[in-house]
Amino acid sequence: MENDQLIAIEVFCTNYDVEYAFVASLQEHDLIETVIVEDTRFLQIPQLSRIERIIRLHHELDINLEGIEAIQGLLSRIEHLDREVASLRNRLRFYEPGL
């Protein structure tokens, strides 16, 4: 991953007003991935929307990390099923063009 796609966790925590320990616990629960470059831990910018959603779930709805893990798993399954439905619709349109 290129360095322009990374943000230092300290910068992220300052901008989003979250504690470093919270981000570390997200990594421990495998909810996010971090990258270490020259002894500094970074977040990948493409993950920011997912991390923002996790922060909202935790802070605004007071959902614990285990609950967030369950929610993320369900959201992942929904996204997979959406892609599968779209693929099946495309295949069906091939055989039945009027749909």
Protein backbone atom coordinates (compact mmCIF):
# COMPACT_ATOMS: atom_id res chain seq x y z
CA MET A 1 0.00 0.00 0.00
CA GLU A 2 1.32 3.41 -0.90
CA ASN A 3 2.08 5.89 1.87
CA ASP A 4 -0.42 8.40 0.47
CA GLN A 5 -3.14 5.87 1.33
CA LEU A 6 -2.17 5.82 5.01
CA ILE A 7 -3.00 8.02 7.98
CA ALA A 8 -1.12 7.86 11.28
CA ILE A 9 -3.28 6.57 14.10
CA GLU A 10 -2.26 9.51 16.30
CA VAL A 11 -3.51 11.95 13.63
CA PHE A 12 -6.71 9.95 13.21
CA CYS A 13 -7.35 9.91 16.97
CA THR A 14 -6.82 13.66 17.21
CA ASN A 15 -9.11 14.45 14.27
CA TYR A 16 -11.86 12.03 15.29
CA ASP A 17 -11.54 12.64 19.04
CA VAL A 18 -11.08 8.96 19.92
CA GLU A 19 -8.55 7.33 22.21
CA TYR A 20 -5.60 5.38 20.86
CA ALA A 21 -6.62 2.47 23.10
CA PHE A 22 -9.99 2.28 21.32
CA VAL A 23 -8.31 1.97 17.92
CA ALA A 24 -5.95 -0.64 19.36
CA SER A 25 -8.91 -2.62 20.69
CA LEU A 26 -10.54 -2.49 17.24
CA GLN A 27 -7.43 -4.08 15.82
CA GLU A 28 -7.33 -6.70 18.58
CA HIS A 29 -10.90 -7.70 17.68
CA ASP A 30 -9.92 -7.84 13.97
CA LEU A 31 -12.40 -5.10 13.10
CA ILE A 32 -9.71 -3.03 11.37
CA GLU A 33 -6.27 -3.56 9.93
CA THR A 34 -3.28 -1.39 10.63
CA VAL A 35 0.05 -1.04 8.89
CA ILE A 36 3.39 -0.40 10.58
CA VAL A 37 5.89 1.78 8.72
CA GLU A 38 9.11 2.76 10.46
CA ASP A 39 7.74 2.05 13.97
CA THR A 40 4.61 4.12 13.36
CA ARG A 41 1.20 2.48 13.14
CA PHE A 42 -1.11 3.65 10.33
CA LEU A 43 -4.69 3.15 9.19
CA GLN A 44 -5.51 2.63 5.54
CA ILE A 45 -7.55 5.52 4.16
CA PRO A 46 -9.93 3.20 2.23
CA GLN A 47 -10.97 1.79 5.64
CA LEU A 48 -12.00 5.17 7.06
CA SER A 49 -15.71 4.87 6.25
CA ARG A 50 -15.83 1.49 7.99
CA ILE A 51 -13.96 2.89 11.01
CA GLU A 52 -16.28 5.91 11.15
CA ARG A 53 -19.29 3.56 11.18
CA ILE A 54 -17.73 1.57 14.01
CA ILE A 55 -17.09 4.74 16.01
CA ARG A 56 -20.72 5.84 15.54
CA LEU A 57 -22.00 2.43 16.64
CA HIS A 58 -19.82 2.50 19.72
CA HIS A 59 -20.20 6.13 20.81
CA GLU A 60 -23.70 7.07 19.68
CA LEU A 61 -25.46 3.74 20.20
CA ASP A 62 -23.23 2.48 23.04
CA ILE A 63 -22.65 -0.90 21.36
CA ASN A 64 -19.75 -2.90 22.75
CA LEU A 65 -17.02 -4.38 20.56
CA GLU A 66 -18.58 -7.85 20.55
CA GLY A 67 -21.83 -6.37 19.28
CA ILE A 68 -19.95 -4.40 16.64
CA GLU A 69 -18.24 -7.62 15.52
CA ALA A 70 -21.67 -9.24 15.08
CA ILE A 71 -23.03 -6.22 13.21
CA GLN A 72 -19.98 -6.08 10.91
CA GLY A 73 -20.37 -9.80 10.17
CA LEU A 74 -24.02 -9.33 9.28
CA LEU A 75 -23.29 -6.28 7.12
CA SER A 76 -20.59 -8.24 5.31
CA ARG A 77 -23.04 -11.05 4.61
CA ILE A 78 -25.65 -8.57 3.35
CA GLU A 79 -23.11 -7.00 0.98
CA HIS A 80 -22.16 -10.45 -0.32
CA LEU A 81 -25.82 -11.37 -0.84
CA ASP A 82 -26.47 -8.07 -2.63
CA ARG A 83 -23.63 -8.81 -5.05
CA GLU A 84 -24.96 -12.33 -5.57
CA VAL A 85 -28.50 -11.08 -6.27
CA ALA A 86 -27.16 -8.54 -8.78
CA SER A 87 -25.18 -11.28 -10.51
CA LEU A 88 -28.19 -13.57 -10.67
CA ARG A 89 -30.38 -10.76 -12.02
CA ASN A 90 -27.85 -10.13 -14.78
CA ARG A 91 -27.81 -13.82 -15.68
CA LEU A 92 -31.62 -13.95 -15.66
CA ARG A 93 -31.82 -10.91 -17.95
CA PHE A 94 -29.54 -12.72 -20.38
CA TYR A 95 -32.03 -15.58 -20.65
CA GLU A 96 -35.18 -13.50 -20.28
CA PRO A 97 -34.44 -10.07 -21.85
CA GLY A 98 -37.89 -8.65 -21.03
CA LEU A 99 -37.19 -8.45 -17.30
